[in-house]
Amino acid sequence: MDLSDGPLTETHKEALRHESWRVFRIMSEFVESLETMVRVGPAVSVFGSARTEPDDRYYQLAVECGRLLVQKDLAVITGGGPGIMEAANKGASEAGGTSVGLNIALPMEQMPNAYQNVEVDFRYFFIRKVMFVKYACGFIIFPGGFGTLDELFESLTLMQTLKIVPFPVVLIGSDYWSGLVEWIHKSLHDEFQTISNKDFDLFHVTDDLEEAVQIVYDTHIGLRTAGPQLPRFAGDEECMEGEGTRLGIEPRKGGRLRKPYITPDEPAI
């Protein structure tokens, strides 16, 4: 809105008052979820379609995935809904582990599944997405729809841009993922050159569930790296600061170029 057009109408004033109070709702949702998730311990976020039925082989694999992760002393985090989310929570819960459901309020009602022993409820997708990444030491991703793809590409973007220290992203089901990976190779890499060869190191496709769990576990305890190389960039862990920015790189303001921070005696301009 262009404020130079004249004074705000009462409708606009009322809208602005609501917007201001919404900030506090957002803050409270962050605080509540952070206080819960910080107590969960090492965990893996498991994603996949809410539409997958219990008789589907991927549902059964997700149940087994939850069980295997708990046997590795890892908690399981899902979106708390039906389908693959329910399956992974079921496997974790029945194995006696921590089974986290990050439930979201949607226009179409999504009932929380019955296998969560840690529940967090969200109004906002963006806060929920922070929790999936912040408290996970890896992603295991089953076939899914737009939401599943969203989580996949967000994790790859955060690693590619050095906003997070790389962790393993394992895709289960070559029959589902091979077409997407082929398109990424052909279009993004070969034809348009919008990604590099190293970006293919950020994810791994397998049909072997035990391999997927082992990749995440081994990376978590530092025995090996998942995929050809993790972290992608030497020294990432040492040069990352707490706010998800590479140490010494300040945000740009007002279009001014800023030189990298060098020493406390020579701050960036």
Protein backbone atom coordinates (compact mmCIF):
# COMPACT_ATOMS: atom_id res chain seq x y z
CA MET A 1 0.00 0.00 0.00
CA ASP A 2 1.22 3.52 -0.84
CA LEU A 3 0.82 5.60 2.33
CA SER A 4 1.26 8.77 0.32
CA ASP A 5 -2.22 8.32 -1.17
CA GLY A 6 -3.83 9.60 2.02
CA PRO A 7 -4.75 8.65 5.58
CA LEU A 8 -5.40 5.04 6.50
CA THR A 9 -9.00 3.94 6.49
CA GLU A 10 -10.51 2.37 9.60
CA THR A 11 -10.43 -0.97 7.82
CA HIS A 12 -6.70 -0.68 7.21
CA LYS A 13 -6.09 0.47 10.79
CA GLU A 14 -7.95 -2.55 12.12
CA ALA A 15 -5.98 -4.85 9.83
CA LEU A 16 -2.68 -3.37 11.06
CA ARG A 17 -3.70 -3.88 14.69
CA HIS A 18 -4.37 -7.54 13.97
CA GLU A 19 -1.04 -7.89 12.15
CA SER A 20 0.84 -6.48 15.15
CA TRP A 21 -0.75 -8.93 17.57
CA ARG A 22 -0.06 -11.81 15.17
CA VAL A 23 3.65 -11.28 15.85
CA PHE A 24 3.09 -12.33 19.47
CA ARG A 25 1.19 -15.42 18.37
CA ILE A 26 4.12 -16.35 16.14
CA MET A 27 6.58 -15.74 18.98
CA SER A 28 4.57 -17.89 21.39
CA GLU A 29 4.42 -20.73 18.86
CA PHE A 30 8.18 -20.59 18.41
CA VAL A 31 8.79 -20.56 22.18
CA GLU A 32 6.43 -23.44 22.89
CA SER A 33 7.82 -25.65 20.15
CA LEU A 34 11.45 -24.84 20.95
CA GLU A 35 10.96 -25.68 24.62
CA THR A 36 9.47 -29.05 23.68
CA MET A 37 11.84 -30.03 20.90
CA VAL A 38 15.05 -29.17 22.74
CA ARG A 39 14.31 -32.06 25.12
CA VAL A 40 13.78 -34.65 22.38
CA GLY A 41 17.44 -35.50 21.77
CA PRO A 42 18.97 -36.77 18.52
CA ALA A 43 16.20 -37.31 15.99
CA VAL A 44 15.45 -38.03 12.35
CA SER A 45 12.62 -36.37 10.43
CA VAL A 46 10.63 -38.81 8.31
CA PHE A 47 8.47 -37.48 5.48
CA GLY A 48 6.01 -38.99 3.02
CA SER A 49 2.46 -38.90 1.74
CA ALA A 50 -0.52 -38.57 4.08
CA ARG A 51 -2.49 -40.61 1.53
CA THR A 52 -0.46 -43.83 1.80
CA GLU A 53 -2.69 -46.65 3.05
CA PRO A 54 -1.66 -49.25 5.68
CA ASP A 55 -1.61 -52.04 3.08
CA ASP A 56 0.90 -50.15 0.91
CA ARG A 57 4.47 -51.47 0.93
CA TYR A 58 5.82 -47.98 1.66
CA TYR A 59 3.61 -47.75 4.75
CA GLN A 60 5.09 -51.01 6.00
CA LEU A 61 8.60 -49.79 5.22
CA ALA A 62 7.94 -46.59 7.15
CA VAL A 63 6.80 -48.62 10.18
CA GLU A 64 10.06 -50.55 9.98
CA CYS A 65 11.97 -47.29 9.53
CA GLY A 66 10.59 -45.92 12.79
CA ARG A 67 11.52 -49.13 14.59
CA LEU A 68 15.07 -49.21 13.20
CA LEU A 69 15.70 -45.58 14.13
CA VAL A 70 14.60 -46.19 17.72
CA GLN A 71 16.93 -49.19 17.89
CA LYS A 72 19.73 -46.74 17.03
CA ASP A 73 18.64 -44.52 19.97
CA LEU A 74 17.24 -41.91 17.63
CA ALA A 75 13.88 -40.20 18.02
CA VAL A 76 11.45 -40.02 15.11
CA ILE A 77 9.86 -36.75 13.99
CA THR A 78 6.93 -36.64 11.57
CA GLY A 79 4.19 -34.22 10.61
CA GLY A 80 1.84 -36.10 12.92
CA GLY A 81 -0.77 -36.98 10.30
CA PRO A 82 -1.87 -40.19 8.59
CA GLY A 83 -0.10 -42.22 5.91
CA ILE A 84 3.68 -42.38 6.03
CA MET A 85 3.70 -40.06 9.05
CA GLU A 86 1.47 -42.41 11.01
CA ALA A 87 3.55 -45.40 9.94
CA ALA A 88 6.86 -43.94 11.12
CA ASN A 89 5.31 -42.80 14.41
CA LYS A 90 3.80 -46.27 14.84
CA GLY A 91 7.13 -48.01 14.37
CA ALA A 92 8.86 -45.66 16.81
CA SER A 93 6.12 -45.87 19.43
CA GLU A 94 5.79 -49.64 19.30
CA ALA A 95 9.58 -49.95 19.65
CA GLY A 96 9.42 -47.93 22.86
CA GLY A 97 11.10 -44.81 21.50
CA THR A 98 10.35 -41.12 21.25
CA SER A 99 7.71 -40.53 18.59
CA VAL A 100 7.21 -36.85 17.80
CA GLY A 101 4.27 -35.44 15.84
CA LEU A 102 4.44 -31.85 14.60
CA ASN A 103 0.75 -31.36 13.92
CA ILE A 104 -0.57 -28.57 11.69
CA ALA A 105 -4.01 -26.95 11.60
CA LEU A 106 -5.31 -27.14 8.01
CA PRO A 107 -8.49 -25.97 6.25
CA MET A 108 -9.24 -29.63 5.60
CA GLU A 109 -9.13 -31.39 8.96
CA GLN A 110 -6.05 -33.57 9.49
CA MET A 111 -6.48 -35.80 12.51
CA PRO A 112 -3.29 -36.40 14.51
CA ASN A 113 -2.31 -40.04 14.40
CA ALA A 114 -2.52 -42.15 17.55
CA TYR A 115 1.17 -43.06 17.76
CA GLN A 116 2.69 -39.79 19.01
CA ASN A 117 4.08 -39.61 22.52
CA VAL A 118 5.39 -36.07 22.00
CA GLU A 119 2.95 -33.69 20.34
CA VAL A 120 3.37 -30.11 19.17
CA ASP A 121 0.59 -28.19 17.45
CA PHE A 122 1.17 -25.45 14.88
CA ARG A 123 -0.85 -22.78 13.12
CA TYR A 124 2.05 -21.76 10.88
CA PHE A 125 3.79 -23.98 8.36
CA PHE A 126 7.01 -21.96 8.44
CA ILE A 127 7.51 -22.48 12.20
CA ARG A 128 6.79 -26.18 11.87
CA LYS A 129 9.34 -26.42 9.04
CA VAL A 130 12.01 -24.86 11.26
CA MET A 131 11.45 -27.62 13.83
CA PHE A 132 11.77 -30.38 11.21
CA VAL A 133 15.24 -29.10 10.29
CA LYS A 134 16.59 -27.63 13.52
CA TYR A 135 16.16 -30.76 15.64
CA ALA A 136 17.02 -33.42 13.04
CA CYS A 137 20.35 -35.06 12.31
CA GLY A 138 18.99 -36.33 9.01
CA PHE A 139 15.94 -36.69 6.75
CA ILE A 140 14.49 -39.95 5.47
CA ILE A 141 11.95 -39.24 2.74
CA PHE A 142 9.38 -41.65 1.36
CA PRO A 143 7.19 -41.05 -1.72
CA GLY A 144 4.90 -38.09 -1.20
CA GLY A 145 3.24 -35.06 -2.71
CA PHE A 146 3.89 -31.32 -2.77
CA GLY A 147 4.55 -31.11 0.98
CA THR A 148 7.13 -33.90 0.84
CA LEU A 149 8.86 -32.29 -2.13
CA ASP A 150 8.81 -28.96 -0.32
CA GLU A 151 10.68 -30.43 2.65
CA LEU A 152 13.16 -32.16 0.33
CA PHE A 153 14.07 -29.06 -1.65
CA GLU A 154 14.13 -26.80 1.39
CA SER A 155 16.71 -29.05 3.05
CA LEU A 156 18.84 -29.10 -0.11
CA THR A 157 18.60 -25.31 -0.43
CA LEU A 158 19.63 -24.74 3.19
CA MET A 159 22.67 -26.97 2.74
CA GLN A 160 23.60 -25.56 -0.65
CA THR A 161 23.50 -21.99 0.71
CA LEU A 162 25.40 -22.89 3.91
CA LYS A 163 22.50 -21.95 6.17
CA ILE A 164 22.81 -25.30 7.94
CA VAL A 165 25.65 -27.78 8.36
CA PRO A 166 24.90 -30.56 5.84
CA PHE A 167 23.13 -33.66 7.09
CA PRO A 168 22.09 -36.79 5.19
CA VAL A 169 18.94 -36.64 3.07
CA VAL A 170 17.99 -40.18 2.03
CA LEU A 171 15.20 -40.85 -0.47
CA ILE A 172 13.47 -44.22 -0.19
CA GLY A 173 12.20 -45.81 -3.40
CA SER A 174 14.07 -45.61 -6.69
CA ASP A 175 10.84 -46.37 -8.57
CA TYR A 176 9.40 -43.10 -7.25
CA TRP A 177 12.45 -40.81 -7.18
CA SER A 178 14.36 -41.89 -10.31
CA GLY A 179 12.25 -39.76 -12.68
CA LEU A 180 12.80 -36.63 -10.59
CA VAL A 181 16.53 -37.27 -10.28
CA GLU A 182 16.77 -37.84 -14.03
CA TRP A 183 14.99 -34.52 -14.66
CA ILE A 184 17.33 -32.72 -12.24
CA HIS A 185 20.32 -34.16 -14.10
CA LYS A 186 18.98 -33.41 -17.56
CA SER A 187 17.33 -30.03 -17.07
CA LEU A 188 18.90 -28.32 -14.06
CA HIS A 189 22.44 -29.59 -14.55
CA ASP A 190 22.99 -30.43 -18.22
CA GLU A 191 20.67 -28.08 -20.10
CA PHE A 192 20.36 -24.98 -17.92
CA GLN A 193 23.44 -25.30 -15.63
CA THR A 194 21.50 -24.06 -12.59
CA ILE A 195 23.18 -26.54 -10.22
CA SER A 196 26.66 -28.04 -9.97
CA ASN A 197 27.96 -31.60 -9.82
CA LYS A 198 28.51 -31.28 -6.08
CA ASP A 199 24.82 -30.63 -5.50
CA PHE A 200 24.12 -34.29 -6.29
CA ASP A 201 26.11 -35.16 -3.16
CA LEU A 202 23.41 -33.57 -1.02
CA PHE A 203 21.00 -36.52 -1.30
CA HIS A 204 21.08 -40.28 -1.70
CA VAL A 205 18.49 -42.61 -3.28
CA THR A 206 18.12 -46.19 -2.08
CA ASP A 207 15.66 -49.08 -1.87
CA ASP A 208 17.50 -50.50 1.15
CA LEU A 209 15.88 -49.24 4.35
CA GLU A 210 18.66 -50.54 6.58
CA GLU A 211 21.19 -48.67 4.44
CA ALA A 212 19.16 -45.47 4.82
CA VAL A 213 19.02 -45.75 8.60
CA GLN A 214 22.71 -46.66 8.81
CA ILE A 215 23.70 -43.64 6.70
CA VAL A 216 21.87 -41.31 9.06
CA TYR A 217 23.17 -43.05 12.17
CA ASP A 218 26.79 -43.20 11.03
CA THR A 219 26.74 -39.54 10.05
CA HIS A 220 25.21 -38.63 13.41
CA ILE A 221 27.95 -40.33 15.41
CA GLY A 222 30.67 -39.27 13.00
CA LEU A 223 31.75 -42.66 11.64
CA ARG A 224 31.42 -41.71 8.00
CA THR A 225 29.71 -39.28 5.67
CA ALA A 226 26.44 -39.93 3.90
CA GLY A 227 26.77 -39.96 0.16
CA PRO A 228 30.03 -39.12 -1.59
CA GLN A 229 30.91 -36.29 0.80
CA LEU A 230 29.48 -34.51 3.83
CA PRO A 231 30.01 -31.81 4.87
CA ARG A 232 30.24 -30.45 1.32
CA PHE A 233 32.64 -27.67 2.20
CA ALA A 234 35.75 -28.20 4.28
CA GLY A 235 35.55 -26.45 7.62
CA ASP A 236 31.83 -25.68 7.52
CA GLU A 237 31.25 -26.62 11.14
CA GLU A 238 34.01 -24.33 12.33
CA CYS A 239 32.89 -21.34 10.28
CA MET A 240 29.16 -21.42 11.01
CA GLU A 241 27.74 -19.13 13.66
CA GLY A 242 24.58 -19.66 15.65
CA GLU A 243 22.20 -17.75 13.43
CA GLY A 244 22.75 -19.83 10.33
CA THR A 245 25.19 -17.50 8.60
CA ARG A 246 28.76 -18.24 7.67
CA LEU A 247 30.95 -16.62 10.30
CA GLY A 248 32.08 -13.16 9.33
CA ILE A 249 29.55 -12.63 6.56
CA GLU A 250 27.14 -9.88 7.54
CA PRO A 251 23.77 -9.27 5.88
CA ARG A 252 23.76 -6.64 3.15
CA LYS A 253 21.78 -3.53 3.96
CA GLY A 254 20.62 -0.82 1.60
CA GLY A 255 22.39 -2.41 -1.36
CA ARG A 256 25.82 -1.55 0.06
CA LEU A 257 28.60 -4.03 -0.56
CA ARG A 258 30.20 -5.22 2.66
CA LYS A 259 33.62 -6.75 2.99
CA PRO A 260 34.00 -9.93 5.06
CA TYR A 261 34.69 -9.58 8.76
CA ILE A 262 38.37 -10.23 9.41
CA THR A 263 39.22 -9.50 13.06
CA PRO A 264 37.46 -7.79 15.99
CA ASP A 265 39.77 -4.84 15.37
CA GLU A 266 38.74 -4.56 11.73
CA PRO A 267 34.94 -4.86 11.48
CA ALA A 268 33.06 -5.05 8.21
CA ILE A 269 32.00 -1.74 6.69
